[in-house]
Amino acid sequence: MDTPMNTRTVPASPLSGLIRIYADLEQRLSSADWLPGAALLAARLWLAKFFFFSGLTKLASWTTTIALFSDEYKVPVLPPEIAALMATAAELSLPVLLVLGLLTRFAAAGLFVMTTVIAVFVYPDAPENVYILLLSAVLVATGSGRFGADYWIARKA
């Protein structure tokens, strides 16, 4: 078989190979309908752990907790005892809702408000406030995702 003399094979560039690999990965991830739910589950679990352990720490030494709310936290308007009780109750109950994916938007909104108070009045320079606010806002906007009770309750309704 004769081949024309002016036909040349141009080798594929390494970049075109990477683009092909990326396009394949993007297509596979886009069709993975479980992935957004898994990401929301991870966000819910991270927030729940963060706040639940904080609530347990407050319960471990209530005298110290009241002292912190009196001397260091100084939440405006509320007496330290009431602020400590409200924060502890929120930190122990809202994470349970997040883990279950039940009333996710409500729970995330509660943690968003509490973190906003902390970011404005208590620890304005703490970088974790930004992460907590962002993750809480995502959960308020999206809900639990497919790995939460909210998703399955809505499907049954």
Protein backbone atom coordinates (compact mmCIF):
# COMPACT_ATOMS: atom_id res chain seq x y z
CA MET A 1 0.00 0.00 0.00
CA ASP A 2 1.40 3.33 -1.04
CA THR A 3 1.18 6.36 1.22
CA PRO A 4 1.39 9.87 -0.08
CA MET A 5 4.72 11.51 0.53
CA ASN A 6 3.31 14.72 1.99
CA THR A 7 1.32 13.02 4.75
CA ARG A 8 2.90 13.51 8.17
CA THR A 9 1.77 12.27 11.50
CA VAL A 10 1.84 15.03 14.09
CA PRO A 11 2.38 13.66 17.58
CA ALA A 12 -0.21 14.68 20.17
CA SER A 13 1.05 17.24 22.63
CA PRO A 14 1.18 16.38 26.34
CA LEU A 15 -1.33 19.17 26.94
CA SER A 16 -3.94 17.56 24.69
CA GLY A 17 -3.57 14.33 26.66
CA LEU A 18 -4.14 16.19 29.95
CA ILE A 19 -7.14 17.99 28.49
CA ARG A 20 -8.61 14.65 27.40
CA ILE A 21 -8.05 13.17 30.89
CA TYR A 22 -9.60 16.23 32.53
CA ALA A 23 -12.61 16.17 30.19
CA ASP A 24 -13.17 12.49 31.00
CA LEU A 25 -12.92 13.15 34.75
CA GLU A 26 -15.27 16.13 34.48
CA GLN A 27 -17.81 14.05 32.60
CA ARG A 28 -17.64 11.25 35.18
CA LEU A 29 -17.99 13.64 38.12
CA SER A 30 -20.87 15.49 36.47
CA SER A 31 -22.76 12.23 36.09
CA ALA A 32 -22.08 11.20 39.72
CA ASP A 33 -25.37 12.37 41.21
CA TRP A 34 -24.28 11.24 44.69
CA LEU A 35 -21.28 13.59 44.83
CA PRO A 36 -23.06 16.86 45.79
CA GLY A 37 -24.90 15.01 48.55
CA ALA A 38 -21.63 13.59 49.85
CA ALA A 39 -20.07 17.07 49.90
CA LEU A 40 -23.07 18.45 51.82
CA LEU A 41 -22.87 15.52 54.24
CA ALA A 42 -19.19 16.31 54.86
CA ALA A 43 -20.05 19.97 55.52
CA ARG A 44 -22.84 18.96 57.91
CA LEU A 45 -20.61 16.55 59.82
CA TRP A 46 -17.72 19.03 60.10
CA LEU A 47 -19.99 21.78 61.46
CA ALA A 48 -21.73 19.35 63.80
CA LYS A 49 -18.45 18.13 65.26
CA PHE A 50 -17.10 21.65 65.70
CA PHE A 51 -20.14 22.93 67.60
CA PHE A 52 -21.06 19.76 69.51
CA PHE A 53 -17.61 19.47 71.08
CA SER A 54 -17.75 23.15 71.98
CA GLY A 55 -21.07 22.53 73.74
CA LEU A 56 -19.65 19.53 75.61
CA THR A 57 -16.73 21.69 76.78
CA LYS A 58 -19.18 24.26 78.13
CA LEU A 59 -21.10 21.56 80.00
CA ALA A 60 -17.93 20.04 81.48
CA SER A 61 -17.34 23.11 83.63
CA TRP A 62 -20.40 25.31 83.90
CA THR A 63 -18.67 27.65 86.37
CA THR A 64 -15.88 28.28 83.88
CA THR A 65 -18.44 28.75 81.10
CA ILE A 66 -20.29 31.41 83.06
CA ALA A 67 -16.98 33.12 83.87
CA LEU A 68 -16.04 33.14 80.18
CA PHE A 69 -19.38 34.64 79.20
CA SER A 70 -19.03 37.23 81.99
CA ASP A 71 -15.41 38.23 81.48
CA GLU A 72 -14.27 37.35 77.96
CA TYR A 73 -17.22 36.86 75.60
CA LYS A 74 -19.36 39.76 76.84
CA VAL A 75 -22.27 39.22 74.47
CA PRO A 76 -24.25 42.47 74.36
CA VAL A 77 -27.81 42.75 75.70
CA LEU A 78 -28.01 39.25 77.23
CA PRO A 79 -26.94 38.45 80.79
CA PRO A 80 -23.98 36.01 80.79
CA GLU A 81 -26.02 33.17 82.30
CA ILE A 82 -28.71 33.42 79.60
CA ALA A 83 -26.15 33.77 76.79
CA ALA A 84 -24.23 30.73 78.09
CA LEU A 85 -27.41 28.66 78.35
CA MET A 86 -28.57 29.65 74.85
CA ALA A 87 -25.16 29.00 73.27
CA THR A 88 -24.77 25.64 74.99
CA ALA A 89 -28.29 24.54 74.06
CA ALA A 90 -27.68 25.53 70.43
CA GLU A 91 -24.28 23.84 70.31
CA LEU A 92 -25.70 20.58 71.62
CA SER A 93 -29.00 20.44 69.72
CA LEU A 94 -28.38 21.99 66.30
CA PRO A 95 -25.46 19.65 65.47
CA VAL A 96 -27.71 16.63 66.09
CA LEU A 97 -30.12 18.00 63.49
CA LEU A 98 -27.23 18.53 61.08
CA VAL A 99 -25.96 14.97 61.49
CA LEU A 100 -29.44 13.63 60.78
CA GLY A 101 -29.98 16.09 57.95
CA LEU A 102 -33.25 17.02 59.65
CA LEU A 103 -34.37 20.67 59.59
CA THR A 104 -30.97 21.33 58.05
CA ARG A 105 -31.73 24.87 56.88
CA PHE A 106 -33.05 25.81 60.33
CA ALA A 107 -30.06 24.29 62.13
CA ALA A 108 -27.55 25.88 59.76
CA ALA A 109 -29.29 29.25 60.06
CA GLY A 110 -29.06 29.03 63.86
CA LEU A 111 -25.34 28.30 63.69
CA PHE A 112 -24.92 31.09 61.13
CA VAL A 113 -26.55 33.62 63.47
CA MET A 114 -24.55 32.40 66.46
CA THR A 115 -21.29 32.54 64.50
CA THR A 116 -22.14 36.03 63.25
CA VAL A 117 -22.52 37.18 66.87
CA ILE A 118 -19.20 35.53 67.73
CA ALA A 119 -17.49 37.07 64.69
CA VAL A 120 -18.78 40.57 65.43
CA PHE A 121 -18.63 40.76 69.23
CA VAL A 122 -16.33 38.06 70.58
CA TYR A 123 -13.57 36.93 68.20
CA PRO A 124 -13.60 39.19 65.14
CA ASP A 125 -10.16 38.06 63.97
CA ALA A 126 -10.71 34.30 64.19
CA PRO A 127 -10.31 32.83 60.69
CA GLU A 128 -12.52 29.82 61.39
CA ASN A 129 -15.52 32.16 61.59
CA VAL A 130 -15.31 32.65 57.83
CA TYR A 131 -15.33 28.89 57.15
CA ILE A 132 -18.22 28.31 59.51
CA LEU A 133 -20.22 31.15 58.00
CA LEU A 134 -19.58 29.90 54.45
CA LEU A 135 -20.48 26.28 55.22
CA SER A 136 -23.56 27.37 57.16
CA ALA A 137 -24.67 29.60 54.28
CA VAL A 138 -24.25 26.73 51.80
CA LEU A 139 -26.43 24.49 53.97
CA VAL A 140 -29.07 27.21 54.40
CA ALA A 141 -29.13 27.62 50.61
CA THR A 142 -29.11 23.94 49.62
CA GLY A 143 -30.49 21.93 52.52
CA SER A 144 -29.24 18.51 53.57
CA GLY A 145 -28.63 16.94 50.20
CA ARG A 146 -29.54 13.36 49.33
CA PHE A 147 -27.87 11.91 52.45
CA GLY A 148 -30.17 13.68 54.87
CA ALA A 149 -33.65 13.16 56.28
CA ASP A 150 -34.91 16.39 54.72
CA TYR A 151 -34.28 15.02 51.23
CA TRP A 152 -36.19 11.82 51.87
CA ILE A 153 -39.04 13.55 53.68
CA ALA A 154 -39.45 15.95 50.74
CA ARG A 155 -39.50 13.01 48.29
CA LYS A 156 -42.31 11.34 50.25
CA ALA A 157 -44.43 14.52 50.39
